[in-house]
Protein backbone atom coordinates (compact mmCIF):
# COMPACT_ATOMS: atom_id res chain seq x y z
CA UNK A 1 -37.75 105.24 -35.57
CA UNK A 2 -39.08 104.93 -32.03
CA UNK A 3 -42.20 103.84 -30.19
CA UNK A 4 -44.92 101.72 -31.72
CA UNK A 5 -43.91 102.67 -35.29
CA UNK A 6 -40.79 100.55 -34.93
CA UNK A 7 -42.73 97.53 -33.72
CA UNK A 8 -43.27 94.66 -36.11
CA UNK A 9 -46.51 92.94 -35.15
CA UNK A 10 -50.14 93.34 -34.09
CA UNK A 11 -51.86 90.63 -32.07
CA UNK A 12 -55.60 89.97 -32.27
CA UNK A 13 -57.37 88.12 -29.46
CA UNK A 14 -60.58 86.39 -30.54
CA UNK A 15 -62.50 85.42 -27.41
CA UNK A 16 -65.38 83.43 -28.87
CA UNK A 17 -68.28 81.40 -27.54
CA UNK A 18 -66.51 78.04 -27.78
CA UNK A 19 -62.80 78.86 -28.06
CA UNK A 20 -60.08 81.45 -27.59
CA UNK A 21 -57.73 82.38 -30.42
CA UNK A 22 -54.68 84.54 -30.78
CA UNK A 23 -53.61 85.71 -34.23
CA UNK A 24 -50.38 87.52 -35.07
CA UNK A 25 -50.15 89.92 -38.01
CA UNK A 26 -47.11 91.62 -39.49
CA UNK A 27 -47.01 95.25 -40.64
CA UNK A 28 -48.36 94.25 -44.05
CA UNK A 29 -51.41 92.54 -42.50
CA UNK A 30 -50.11 89.05 -43.26
CA UNK A 31 -50.97 86.34 -40.73
CA UNK A 32 -47.75 85.20 -39.07
CA UNK A 33 -49.30 82.61 -36.76
CA UNK A 34 -52.46 81.39 -35.04
CA UNK A 35 -53.12 79.52 -31.78
CA UNK A 36 -56.55 78.33 -30.66
CA UNK A 37 -58.05 76.30 -27.82
CA UNK A 38 -61.60 75.39 -26.83
CA UNK A 39 -62.95 75.79 -23.30
CA UNK A 40 -65.76 74.19 -21.28
CA UNK A 41 -69.46 74.85 -21.81
CA UNK A 42 -71.74 74.48 -18.77
CA UNK A 43 -75.48 73.76 -18.96
CA UNK A 44 -76.73 73.69 -15.34
CA UNK A 45 -80.41 73.72 -16.37
CA UNK A 46 -82.41 73.57 -19.57
CA UNK A 47 -81.91 76.86 -21.40
CA UNK A 48 -79.05 77.95 -19.14
CA UNK A 49 -75.52 78.41 -20.51
CA UNK A 50 -72.44 79.38 -18.50
CA UNK A 51 -68.68 79.72 -18.88
CA UNK A 52 -65.97 79.72 -16.24
CA UNK A 53 -64.45 83.20 -16.58
CA UNK A 54 -61.23 82.04 -14.94
CA UNK A 55 -60.95 79.23 -17.51
CA UNK A 56 -61.53 81.73 -20.31
CA UNK A 57 -58.71 83.89 -18.95
CA UNK A 58 -56.30 80.96 -18.58
CA UNK A 59 -57.23 79.69 -22.05
CA UNK A 60 -56.78 83.09 -23.66
CA UNK A 61 -53.48 83.71 -21.89
CA UNK A 62 -52.38 80.20 -22.84
CA UNK A 63 -52.92 80.73 -26.56
CA UNK A 64 -51.05 84.05 -26.36
CA UNK A 65 -48.06 82.24 -24.84
CA UNK A 66 -48.39 79.40 -27.35
CA UNK A 67 -48.44 81.82 -30.28
CA UNK A 68 -45.38 83.72 -29.07
CA UNK A 69 -43.51 80.44 -28.55
CA UNK A 70 -44.61 79.06 -31.92
CA UNK A 71 -43.58 82.15 -33.89
CA UNK A 72 -40.47 82.76 -31.76
CA UNK A 73 -41.01 86.50 -31.79
CA UNK A 74 -39.85 88.94 -29.17
CA UNK A 75 -42.99 90.08 -27.27
CA UNK A 76 -41.55 93.60 -27.23
CA UNK A 77 -42.03 93.67 -31.01
CA UNK A 78 -45.82 93.60 -30.58
CA UNK A 79 -47.08 97.15 -31.21
CA UNK A 80 -50.62 96.59 -29.98
CA UNK A 81 -53.27 94.05 -29.06
CA UNK A 82 -56.87 94.14 -30.27
CA UNK A 83 -59.74 92.16 -28.76
CA UNK A 84 -62.87 90.81 -30.38
CA UNK A 85 -65.28 88.89 -28.19
CA UNK A 86 -68.68 87.35 -27.51
CA UNK A 87 -70.21 90.66 -26.60
CA UNK A 88 -73.25 90.02 -24.39
CA UNK A 89 -71.71 87.34 -22.15
CA UNK A 90 -71.59 88.77 -18.64
CA UNK A 91 -69.12 88.40 -15.79
CA UNK A 92 -69.22 90.03 -12.34
CA UNK A 93 -66.14 89.82 -10.13
CA UNK A 94 -64.68 91.08 -6.88
CA UNK A 95 -62.21 93.88 -7.60
CA UNK A 96 -60.25 93.09 -4.43
CA UNK A 97 -59.75 89.36 -4.98
CA UNK A 98 -60.10 89.26 -8.76
CA UNK A 99 -62.46 86.31 -8.41
CA UNK A 100 -65.78 86.08 -10.26
CA UNK A 101 -68.78 85.84 -7.91
CA UNK A 102 -70.48 83.46 -10.35
CA UNK A 103 -69.82 81.82 -13.69
CA UNK A 104 -70.07 84.06 -16.74
CA UNK A 105 -73.65 84.00 -18.05
CA UNK A 106 -73.48 83.42 -21.80
CA UNK A 107 -75.42 85.36 -24.44
CA UNK A 108 -77.33 82.17 -25.31
CA UNK A 109 -78.67 81.76 -21.76
CA UNK A 110 -82.44 82.23 -21.36
CA UNK A 111 -82.68 82.27 -17.56
CA UNK A 112 -83.64 85.96 -17.40
CA UNK A 113 -86.71 85.69 -19.63
CA UNK A 114 -88.97 86.33 -16.63
CA UNK A 115 -87.07 89.54 -15.81
CA UNK A 116 -87.56 90.70 -19.39
CA UNK A 117 -91.26 89.86 -19.23
CA UNK A 118 -91.57 91.96 -16.06
CA UNK A 119 -89.91 94.96 -17.74
CA UNK A 120 -92.30 94.65 -20.66
CA UNK A 121 -95.29 94.35 -18.31
CA UNK A 122 -94.22 97.61 -16.68
CA UNK A 123 -94.38 99.31 -20.08
CA UNK A 124 -90.63 99.87 -20.38
CA UNK A 125 -89.96 98.12 -23.68
CA UNK A 126 -90.19 101.27 -25.80
CA UNK A 127 -87.96 103.18 -23.37
CA UNK A 128 -85.26 100.54 -23.74
CA UNK A 129 -85.67 100.40 -27.51
CA UNK A 130 -85.44 104.19 -27.88
CA UNK A 131 -82.39 104.56 -25.67
CA UNK A 132 -80.45 101.41 -26.60
CA UNK A 133 -81.73 100.44 -30.04
CA UNK A 134 -82.36 96.95 -28.64
CA UNK A 135 -85.41 94.88 -27.81
CA UNK A 136 -85.83 93.76 -24.20
CA UNK A 137 -84.49 90.22 -24.34
CA UNK A 138 -82.50 87.77 -22.22
CA UNK A 139 -79.84 87.80 -24.94
CA UNK A 140 -78.36 91.05 -23.63
CA UNK A 141 -76.23 91.71 -20.54
CA UNK A 142 -78.39 93.91 -18.33
CA UNK A 143 -80.82 91.30 -17.06
CA UNK A 144 -77.94 88.87 -16.54
CA UNK A 145 -76.33 91.36 -14.15
CA UNK A 146 -79.62 91.73 -12.29
CA UNK A 147 -79.94 87.95 -12.01
CA UNK A 148 -76.49 87.72 -10.42
CA UNK A 149 -77.24 90.54 -7.97
CA UNK A 150 -80.56 88.95 -7.02
CA UNK A 151 -79.47 85.31 -6.83
CA UNK A 152 -75.84 85.14 -5.73
CA UNK A 153 -75.64 85.38 -1.95
CA UNK A 154 -74.18 88.71 -0.82
CA UNK A 155 -73.65 90.00 -4.36
CA UNK A 156 -75.97 92.99 -4.15
CA UNK A 157 -74.52 94.09 -0.80
CA UNK A 158 -70.97 93.79 -2.13
CA UNK A 159 -71.95 95.74 -5.24
CA UNK A 160 -73.47 98.53 -3.14
CA UNK A 161 -70.18 98.75 -1.22
CA UNK A 162 -68.34 99.19 -4.52
CA UNK A 163 -66.51 95.87 -4.29
CA UNK A 164 -67.83 94.30 -7.50
CA UNK A 165 -67.09 95.03 -11.14
CA UNK A 166 -69.14 94.09 -14.20
CA UNK A 167 -67.89 93.54 -17.68
CA UNK A 168 -68.34 91.82 -20.97
CA UNK A 169 -65.46 89.56 -21.94
CA UNK A 170 -63.33 92.37 -23.39
CA UNK A 171 -63.46 94.15 -20.03
CA UNK A 172 -62.57 90.99 -18.13
CA UNK A 173 -59.58 90.22 -20.35
CA UNK A 174 -58.25 93.78 -20.27
CA UNK A 175 -58.62 93.88 -16.49
CA UNK A 176 -56.65 90.62 -16.22
CA UNK A 177 -54.02 91.64 -18.78
CA UNK A 178 -53.39 94.88 -16.87
CA UNK A 179 -53.29 93.18 -13.45
CA UNK A 180 -56.47 94.95 -12.37
CA UNK A 181 -55.34 98.44 -13.33
CA UNK A 182 -57.78 99.07 -16.20
CA UNK A 183 -61.57 98.58 -16.16
CA UNK A 184 -62.85 99.64 -19.58
CA UNK A 185 -64.99 98.63 -22.52
CA UNK A 186 -65.81 100.10 -25.93
CA UNK A 187 -68.98 101.35 -27.62
CA UNK A 188 -69.61 98.10 -29.48
CA UNK A 189 -69.72 96.08 -26.26
CA UNK A 190 -71.45 98.70 -24.12
CA UNK A 191 -74.21 99.04 -26.70
CA UNK A 192 -75.14 95.37 -26.23
CA UNK A 193 -75.81 95.57 -22.49
CA UNK A 194 -79.29 97.18 -22.42
CA UNK A 195 -77.75 99.71 -20.02
CA UNK A 196 -75.98 102.07 -22.42
CA UNK A 197 -77.69 105.04 -24.07
CA UNK A 198 -76.59 105.08 -27.71
CA UNK A 199 -78.02 108.59 -28.20
CA UNK A 200 -76.11 110.24 -25.37
CA UNK A 201 -73.17 107.79 -25.43
CA UNK A 202 -73.24 107.13 -21.70
CA UNK A 203 -74.54 104.66 -19.14
CA UNK A 204 -78.20 105.49 -18.56
CA UNK A 205 -79.41 105.94 -14.97
CA UNK A 206 -83.05 105.26 -15.82
CA UNK A 207 -82.16 101.95 -17.47
CA UNK A 208 -79.79 100.97 -14.68
CA UNK A 209 -82.48 101.57 -12.07
CA UNK A 210 -85.26 99.84 -14.02
């Protein structure tokens, strides 16, 4: 037997709001081992919540290494890795340096309420609801991206040059795990951004430009 069918394990990465976990399963879906570590929460203002995306990466990578060491498996016996994550939390980073331009803005953060109110005042709430299935709320990623572009010095200009990447935490971890070779997400994360059309299954230009 060759390829992934001969592999013995599947690893799940659980990138949560307060901690990162790695869980190893065997071919019969039994849990072989678990490693978990909490990371720092930042509250720069009332109602604001941030994470250090670099700390999340180092924490997630650390529990992967801890789990492999604890279980004493050969990493080559891992057939695949799956990621589950805090979906709306938003990170924007420089694709050339790999460095975030600002802390990750967490799903709990309410700083973009005024942006949401403006979209509603412009009569766009039903457009967003129809295309995304979501209400216009600071909970979701889209207004967090706008806040970063509007408030981090030079961010919008760098984005227009194509130097910046956006992602939810799955995207960030995959980009780091592949040494910057892969910039992807999945439907479940994209559909929580307020920028993805769940009818057409694509990023929506009207929403992106709103």
